[in-house]
Protein backbone atom coordinates (compact mmCIF):
# COMPACT_ATOMS: atom_id res chain seq x y z
CA MET A 1 -4.67 -0.06 -62.92
CA LEU A 2 -0.87 1.00 -63.42
CA THR A 3 2.08 -1.34 -63.34
CA ALA A 4 5.18 -0.72 -61.20
CA PHE A 5 7.06 0.30 -64.27
CA GLU A 6 4.27 2.81 -65.31
CA ASN A 7 4.39 4.44 -61.82
CA ALA A 8 8.10 4.66 -61.95
CA ASN A 9 8.16 6.22 -65.44
CA PRO A 10 5.28 8.26 -66.43
CA PRO A 11 4.12 8.03 -69.98
CA ILE A 12 6.01 9.90 -72.56
CA PRO A 13 4.01 12.60 -74.38
CA GLU A 14 2.90 11.58 -77.64
CA VAL A 15 4.81 12.62 -80.72
CA GLN A 16 3.15 15.48 -82.59
CA ALA A 17 3.73 15.18 -86.34
CA ASN A 18 1.56 14.76 -89.39
CA LYS A 19 2.10 11.75 -91.55
CA GLN A 20 3.91 13.48 -94.23
CA THR A 21 6.86 14.37 -91.97
CA LEU A 22 7.04 10.84 -90.93
CA LEU A 23 7.35 9.33 -94.50
CA PRO A 24 10.90 10.27 -95.72
CA MET A 25 13.88 8.56 -94.08
CA PRO A 26 15.90 10.78 -91.63
CA GLN A 27 19.04 12.08 -93.47
CA ILE A 28 21.18 12.49 -90.05
CA LEU A 29 20.71 9.90 -87.23
CA ILE A 30 22.26 10.94 -83.95
CA VAL A 31 22.87 8.30 -81.18
CA ARG A 32 23.60 9.37 -77.68
CA GLU A 33 23.66 7.72 -74.35
CA SER A 34 22.21 9.74 -71.57
CA SER A 35 24.03 9.95 -68.24
CA LEU A 36 21.59 7.57 -66.51
CA GLU A 37 22.94 3.78 -66.51
CA HIS A 38 19.72 2.47 -68.39
CA ASP A 39 18.33 5.22 -70.16
CA LEU A 40 19.12 5.94 -73.90
CA GLN A 41 18.22 8.64 -75.89
CA TYR A 42 18.10 8.34 -79.71
CA GLU A 43 17.45 11.23 -81.94
CA ALA A 44 16.53 10.96 -85.70
CA ARG A 45 16.70 14.30 -87.66
CA ASN A 46 15.15 15.13 -90.88
CA ASP A 47 16.06 18.31 -92.99
CA ASP A 48 12.88 20.53 -91.58
CA HIS A 49 11.91 18.21 -88.79
CA MET A 50 13.53 16.86 -85.54
CA MET A 51 12.03 14.01 -83.61
CA GLN A 52 13.42 12.49 -80.33
CA VAL A 53 12.74 9.07 -78.90
CA VAL A 54 13.85 8.34 -75.30
CA VAL A 55 13.94 4.40 -75.04
CA TYR A 56 13.38 3.65 -71.27
CA THR A 57 14.93 0.32 -70.14
CA ASN A 58 14.35 -1.84 -67.03
CA LYS A 59 17.47 -4.03 -66.44
CA GLY A 60 18.46 -4.36 -69.96
CA VAL A 61 15.08 -4.78 -71.70
CA VAL A 62 13.86 -2.11 -73.91
CA GLU A 63 10.39 -0.72 -72.83
CA THR A 64 8.55 1.72 -74.87
CA GLU A 65 5.33 3.37 -73.71
CA GLN A 66 4.21 4.32 -77.13
CA ARG A 67 4.69 3.31 -80.81
CA VAL A 68 6.80 5.74 -82.76
CA GLY A 69 6.53 4.70 -86.44
CA ASP A 70 7.97 1.96 -88.52
CA ARG A 71 10.99 4.12 -89.75
CA LEU A 72 12.38 4.31 -86.05
CA GLN A 73 12.19 0.65 -85.41
CA ALA A 74 15.76 0.13 -86.58
CA VAL A 75 16.74 2.66 -83.84
CA LEU A 76 14.86 0.88 -81.18
CA ARG A 77 16.42 -2.39 -82.24
CA ALA A 78 19.94 -0.71 -81.96
CA ALA A 79 19.14 0.32 -78.54
CA HIS A 80 17.98 -3.02 -77.43
CA ASP A 81 21.19 -4.81 -79.12
CA HIS A 82 23.37 -2.30 -77.46
CA ILE A 83 21.69 -2.98 -73.92
CA MET A 84 21.80 -6.87 -74.65
CA ALA A 85 25.54 -6.82 -75.59
CA SER A 86 26.38 -4.57 -72.67
CA THR A 87 24.31 -6.89 -70.39
CA ALA A 88 25.99 -10.02 -71.66
CA ALA A 89 29.46 -8.61 -71.59
CA GLN A 90 28.98 -7.78 -67.84
CA ALA A 91 27.54 -11.34 -67.29
CA ALA A 92 30.60 -12.81 -68.99
CA GLN A 93 32.90 -10.82 -66.91
CA GLN A 94 31.00 -11.63 -63.64
CA THR A 95 31.23 -15.44 -64.65
CA LEU A 96 35.02 -15.07 -65.10
CA ASP A 97 35.40 -13.35 -61.74
CA LEU A 98 33.40 -15.98 -60.09
CA GLN A 99 35.33 -18.90 -61.99
CA THR A 100 38.55 -17.32 -60.65
CA GLN A 101 37.22 -17.02 -57.10
CA ILE A 102 36.19 -20.76 -57.35
CA ASP A 103 39.52 -21.66 -58.72
CA GLN A 104 41.36 -20.01 -56.00
CA ALA A 105 39.26 -21.61 -53.24
CA LEU A 106 39.74 -24.96 -54.66
CA ASP A 107 43.56 -24.41 -54.95
CA THR A 108 43.65 -23.45 -51.28
CA ALA A 109 41.40 -26.43 -50.07
CA GLN A 110 43.39 -28.60 -51.88
CA GLN A 111 46.68 -27.30 -50.33
CA ASN A 112 45.20 -27.51 -47.06
CA VAL A 113 44.22 -31.22 -47.38
CA ILE A 114 47.77 -32.00 -48.56
CA GLU A 115 49.23 -30.20 -45.60
CA SER A 116 46.81 -31.71 -43.19
CA ALA A 117 47.57 -35.32 -44.55
CA ASP A 118 51.41 -34.62 -44.43
CA ALA A 119 50.99 -33.48 -40.66
CA ALA A 120 48.75 -36.49 -40.03
CA MET A 121 51.34 -38.88 -41.48
CA ALA A 122 54.15 -37.34 -39.54
CA ASP A 123 52.08 -37.37 -36.42
CA ARG A 124 51.40 -41.20 -37.11
CA ALA A 125 55.22 -41.89 -37.69
CA ILE A 126 56.13 -40.35 -34.29
CA THR A 127 53.28 -42.36 -32.53
CA LEU A 128 54.44 -45.55 -34.02
CA GLU A 129 58.02 -44.64 -33.30
CA LYS A 130 57.31 -44.16 -29.53
CA GLU A 131 55.02 -47.56 -29.67
CA ILE A 132 57.76 -49.85 -30.93
CA GLY A 133 60.76 -47.63 -29.47
CA VAL A 134 62.61 -47.82 -32.74
CA GLY A 135 63.20 -44.82 -34.97
CA MET A 136 61.63 -44.99 -38.44
CA GLU A 137 64.83 -44.41 -40.15
CA GLN A 138 66.04 -47.75 -38.81
CA THR A 139 63.53 -50.03 -40.24
CA ASP A 140 62.52 -50.91 -43.76
CA MET A 141 58.89 -51.18 -42.83
CA TYR A 142 58.26 -47.38 -42.58
CA SER A 143 55.88 -47.31 -45.37
CA ASP A 144 53.85 -50.28 -44.08
CA PHE A 145 53.39 -48.50 -40.72
CA VAL A 146 52.29 -45.28 -42.38
CA MET A 147 50.16 -46.95 -44.98
CA ASN A 148 48.65 -49.64 -42.71
CA PRO A 149 48.73 -48.79 -39.04
CA ILE A 150 47.02 -52.02 -38.02
CA LEU A 151 49.71 -54.58 -37.97
CA ARG A 152 49.49 -58.22 -37.62
CA LEU A 153 50.97 -59.79 -34.45
CA SER A 154 53.82 -61.60 -36.39
CA ASP A 155 54.92 -58.22 -38.07
CA ALA A 156 55.12 -56.52 -34.67
CA GLU A 157 57.14 -59.55 -33.24
CA MET A 158 59.54 -59.22 -36.29
CA LEU A 159 60.32 -55.69 -35.35
CA GLU A 160 61.39 -56.57 -31.57
């Protein structure tokens, strides 16, 4: 039974080489990214032998369809590290973008609350001015009216 990954990516043909050509370390190591976003192509070249390894990835995780030998494990680790660093950098940037959006939304909400409170206090002052028939600027109890709109009877009598 094939997995979804195997259906999307057919198996890589097996590397045909004898064990004598796999033993020496490659003298030239060429690392290239392919044009696809998550496919990386790594090439290890020896004097008389060239071997290519294509590393297929699925959302930042290195997936290999076959074992390619101990001496190419460093290449696979480099591919994994490259993908993980790229994924981490993208995640960090997305987090910063989201944090900026959240900060802007909180600032806007705070400003709206302040403006609403100012408007409500101004409306309450006008209502009180109409109820007692005296301009708020003519009384020393302006802050009492705004902060505590329910007055005792004796306070209301003092204003008349």
